[in-house]
Amino acid sequence: MNPVLVTTTVPSIEEATKLSSGLVQEKLAACVNIVGPIQSFYYWDGKIVEDKEYKLFIKTLDNKWDEIKKYIKQHHSYTVPEISKINIEQMDEAYLKWLMEYVQT
């Protein structure tokens, strides 16, 4: 099982907090960082949209990827949420041990 960083964006701090705490409570993630607000530009419904969003950095293990995608899609307010996975090549051994112990239990 390898560590990964999953990212998504949400439109409000309330949704960011709810999604983050749910992922940790369900032991799908050991830690979630919320960054923002950030300014996002994207193409939607035939036009370029500029919005304030919050970015979530979800620290977890690769074997939780499918469950995390499902959880985010079920609890996200966007029709098509951004859900990306970044493989982590190296991580501090003590932090990795803690992450693995929490997410696997």
Protein backbone atom coordinates (compact mmCIF):
# COMPACT_ATOMS: atom_id res chain seq x y z
CA MET A 1 0.00 0.00 0.00
CA ASN A 2 1.46 3.27 -1.15
CA PRO A 3 0.71 6.76 0.15
CA VAL A 4 -1.19 9.09 -2.17
CA LEU A 5 -2.50 12.61 -2.11
CA VAL A 6 -6.06 13.02 -3.38
CA THR A 7 -7.27 16.51 -4.27
CA THR A 8 -10.64 18.08 -4.88
CA THR A 9 -12.17 21.54 -4.81
CA VAL A 10 -15.41 22.69 -3.19
CA PRO A 11 -17.34 25.97 -3.30
CA SER A 12 -17.50 26.78 0.42
CA ILE A 13 -15.63 26.39 3.68
CA GLU A 14 -18.68 24.65 5.13
CA GLU A 15 -18.61 21.96 2.45
CA ALA A 16 -14.82 21.66 2.78
CA THR A 17 -15.12 21.12 6.53
CA LYS A 18 -17.97 18.62 6.23
CA LEU A 19 -16.23 16.60 3.49
CA SER A 20 -12.88 16.64 5.31
CA SER A 21 -14.26 15.54 8.66
CA GLY A 22 -16.31 12.80 7.02
CA LEU A 23 -13.30 11.38 5.19
CA VAL A 24 -11.30 11.26 8.43
CA GLN A 25 -14.18 9.89 10.51
CA GLU A 26 -14.73 7.09 7.97
CA LYS A 27 -10.97 6.35 8.12
CA LEU A 28 -10.64 6.90 4.39
CA ALA A 29 -7.99 9.54 5.09
CA ALA A 30 -5.58 10.14 7.94
CA CYS A 31 -5.48 13.90 7.38
CA VAL A 32 -7.13 16.49 5.16
CA ASN A 33 -5.79 20.01 4.66
CA ILE A 34 -8.10 22.79 3.50
CA VAL A 35 -6.50 25.65 1.55
CA GLY A 36 -8.31 28.74 0.45
CA PRO A 37 -10.10 30.52 -0.67
CA ILE A 38 -8.45 30.08 -4.05
CA GLN A 39 -9.47 31.66 -7.34
CA SER A 40 -10.46 29.12 -10.00
CA PHE A 41 -11.15 29.57 -13.70
CA TYR A 42 -12.89 26.82 -15.64
CA TYR A 43 -15.09 26.17 -18.64
CA TRP A 44 -18.70 25.22 -17.80
CA ASP A 45 -21.99 25.41 -19.73
CA GLY A 46 -20.38 27.07 -22.72
CA LYS A 47 -18.58 29.85 -20.88
CA ILE A 48 -15.51 30.59 -18.79
CA VAL A 49 -16.39 30.81 -15.11
CA GLU A 50 -14.38 32.48 -12.33
CA ASP A 51 -15.15 31.25 -8.82
CA LYS A 52 -13.85 31.22 -5.28
CA GLU A 53 -13.17 27.64 -4.14
CA TYR A 54 -11.42 25.69 -1.40
CA LYS A 55 -8.83 23.03 -2.19
CA LEU A 56 -8.68 19.80 -0.19
CA PHE A 57 -5.45 17.81 0.13
CA ILE A 58 -6.43 14.33 1.29
CA LYS A 59 -3.63 12.13 2.67
CA THR A 60 -4.40 8.45 2.33
CA LEU A 61 -3.32 5.12 0.85
CA ASP A 62 -3.67 3.96 -2.74
CA ASN A 63 -6.02 1.11 -1.78
CA LYS A 64 -8.60 3.67 -0.55
CA TRP A 65 -8.82 5.44 -3.95
CA ASP A 66 -12.10 3.86 -5.12
CA GLU A 67 -13.80 4.37 -1.75
CA ILE A 68 -12.66 8.00 -1.60
CA LYS A 69 -13.92 8.73 -5.12
CA LYS A 70 -17.29 7.21 -4.22
CA TYR A 71 -17.48 9.16 -0.93
CA ILE A 72 -16.61 12.47 -2.59
CA LYS A 73 -19.12 11.96 -5.41
CA GLN A 74 -21.88 11.11 -2.90
CA HIS A 75 -21.22 14.14 -0.69
CA HIS A 76 -20.09 16.79 -3.20
CA SER A 77 -22.34 19.59 -4.42
CA TYR A 78 -20.79 19.74 -7.92
CA THR A 79 -22.20 17.67 -10.77
CA VAL A 80 -18.66 16.91 -11.97
CA PRO A 81 -16.20 17.35 -9.10
CA GLU A 82 -12.45 17.36 -9.68
CA ILE A 83 -11.02 14.28 -7.99
CA SER A 84 -7.33 13.68 -8.68
CA LYS A 85 -4.80 11.25 -7.25
CA ILE A 86 -1.10 12.06 -6.94
CA ASN A 87 1.29 9.23 -6.14
CA ILE A 88 3.80 10.07 -3.41
CA GLU A 89 7.29 8.77 -4.15
CA GLN A 90 8.72 9.34 -0.70
CA MET A 91 7.36 10.25 2.71
CA ASP A 92 8.87 10.58 6.16
CA GLU A 93 8.88 7.09 7.69
CA ALA A 94 7.24 8.10 10.98
CA TYR A 95 4.45 9.99 9.19
CA LEU A 96 3.88 7.09 6.80
CA LYS A 97 3.66 4.65 9.71
CA TRP A 98 1.07 6.86 11.43
CA LEU A 99 -0.91 7.26 8.19
CA MET A 100 -0.93 3.51 7.55
CA GLU A 101 -1.97 2.67 11.11
CA TYR A 102 -4.89 5.09 11.05
CA VAL A 103 -6.25 4.36 7.58
CA GLN A 104 -5.91 0.57 7.86
CA THR A 105 -7.70 0.20 11.21
